[in-house]
Amino acid sequence: MGYIKFNKTASTNGGRADLLPVDDVMHVSVPTATGIILTFGENTAVDTATLLYPAQSAAKIALIRDAVNDAIEAANGASGPAIRVAMADITSVTIG
C-alpha cells in the first residue's frame, strides 16, 4: 500500500506531515482557493478527506490537482517512504 504525504504549516502540529493511503482513491476534486477533497471507496463504502490550506493564487490553484494526482500515481502500489505532494502546506485534514 502506498502513501502520499502532505506537509503541514508550522502553526499546525509543529509543521509535521499527514499521510493518506492511495490504494482506494476514486476521485480528486477540483481545488478551491483553500481546499481540495479526495474521495476514497471500496465496494459500497465511501469516505472523503478534506484538506485545507491557506488561500492560494489562481496560478497555484491550477497546479494543486495535478500535484495530488502525480503523487498518487507515484505511490500507487509502492512500498517504502511516502510520496510528498508538491503543493502548499496544509492546515488540516478531515476524514468523513
Protein backbone atom coordinates (compact mmCIF):
# COMPACT_ATOMS: atom_id res chain seq x y z
CA MET A 1 0.00 0.00 0.00
CA GLY A 2 1.41 3.38 -0.98
CA TYR A 3 1.01 6.64 0.90
CA ILE A 4 1.15 10.30 -0.02
CA LYS A 5 2.43 12.92 2.39
CA PHE A 6 1.04 16.42 2.88
CA ASN A 7 3.30 18.81 4.78
CA LYS A 8 1.55 20.89 7.42
CA THR A 9 2.07 24.57 8.14
CA ALA A 10 4.43 25.35 11.02
CA SER A 11 1.49 26.59 13.10
CA THR A 12 -0.35 23.27 12.62
CA ASN A 13 1.06 20.35 14.62
CA GLY A 14 4.54 21.87 14.56
CA GLY A 15 4.87 21.57 10.79
CA ARG A 16 4.73 17.78 10.73
CA ALA A 17 3.08 15.86 7.90
CA ASP A 18 -0.11 13.87 7.38
CA LEU A 19 -0.13 10.64 5.41
CA LEU A 20 -3.02 9.27 3.36
CA PRO A 21 -3.20 5.85 1.66
CA VAL A 22 -3.65 5.89 -2.11
CA ASP A 23 -4.99 2.39 -2.74
CA ASP A 24 -8.67 3.31 -2.82
CA VAL A 25 -8.62 6.91 -4.09
CA MET A 26 -11.52 7.16 -6.55
CA HIS A 27 -11.58 10.91 -7.22
CA VAL A 28 -9.62 14.11 -6.65
CA SER A 29 -11.86 17.18 -6.69
CA VAL A 30 -11.18 20.42 -8.48
CA PRO A 31 -9.33 22.52 -5.89
CA THR A 32 -10.65 25.78 -4.50
CA ALA A 33 -8.56 28.65 -3.17
CA THR A 34 -8.48 26.98 0.25
CA GLY A 35 -9.10 23.25 -0.12
CA ILE A 36 -9.36 20.02 -2.06
CA ILE A 37 -11.32 16.80 -1.43
CA LEU A 38 -10.12 13.24 -2.02
CA THR A 39 -12.82 10.56 -2.31
CA PHE A 40 -11.96 7.02 -1.21
CA GLY A 41 -14.07 3.96 -1.85
CA GLU A 42 -14.07 0.22 -1.55
CA ASN A 43 -17.14 -1.74 -2.58
CA THR A 44 -20.02 0.43 -1.34
CA ALA A 45 -18.26 2.33 1.44
CA VAL A 46 -17.16 5.85 0.53
CA ASP A 47 -15.16 8.30 2.65
CA THR A 48 -13.71 11.69 1.90
CA ALA A 49 -10.62 13.52 3.07
CA THR A 50 -10.99 17.28 3.03
CA LEU A 51 -7.64 19.04 3.00
CA LEU A 52 -7.49 22.74 3.83
CA TYR A 53 -4.61 25.11 3.13
CA PRO A 54 -4.02 28.89 3.23
CA ALA A 55 -5.60 30.84 0.34
CA GLN A 56 -3.73 30.28 -2.93
CA SER A 57 -3.40 32.37 -6.08
CA ALA A 58 -5.16 31.24 -9.25
CA ALA A 59 -1.83 30.14 -10.73
CA LYS A 60 -1.10 27.87 -7.73
CA ILE A 61 -4.66 26.51 -7.58
CA ALA A 62 -4.25 25.33 -11.17
CA LEU A 63 -1.28 23.15 -10.12
CA ILE A 64 -2.73 21.50 -7.00
CA ARG A 65 -4.88 18.77 -8.59
CA ASP A 66 -2.04 17.67 -10.88
CA ALA A 67 0.36 17.58 -7.91
CA VAL A 68 -2.03 15.33 -5.97
CA ASN A 69 -2.67 13.08 -8.97
CA ASP A 70 1.08 12.81 -9.74
CA ALA A 71 1.81 11.77 -6.14
CA ILE A 72 -1.00 9.19 -6.21
CA GLU A 73 0.37 7.70 -9.43
CA ALA A 74 3.88 7.52 -7.99
CA ALA A 75 2.71 5.94 -4.72
CA ASN A 76 0.13 3.50 -6.07
CA GLY A 77 1.25 0.00 -5.12
CA ALA A 78 4.55 1.33 -3.79
CA SER A 79 6.30 0.15 -0.69
CA GLY A 80 8.62 2.48 1.14
CA PRO A 81 8.65 6.15 2.04
CA ALA A 82 5.51 8.18 1.36
CA ILE A 83 5.49 10.40 -1.73
CA ARG A 84 5.35 14.11 -0.86
CA VAL A 85 2.66 16.10 -2.64
CA ALA A 86 4.30 19.19 -4.17
CA MET A 87 1.75 21.78 -3.09
CA ALA A 88 1.09 24.34 -0.36
CA ASP A 89 1.42 23.12 3.22
CA ILE A 90 -1.96 22.15 4.64
CA THR A 91 -3.63 23.41 7.80
CA SER A 92 -5.98 20.47 8.38
CA VAL A 93 -7.31 17.14 7.14
CA THR A 94 -10.83 15.99 7.98
CA ILE A 95 -11.89 12.42 7.24
CA GLY A 96 -15.56 11.68 6.91
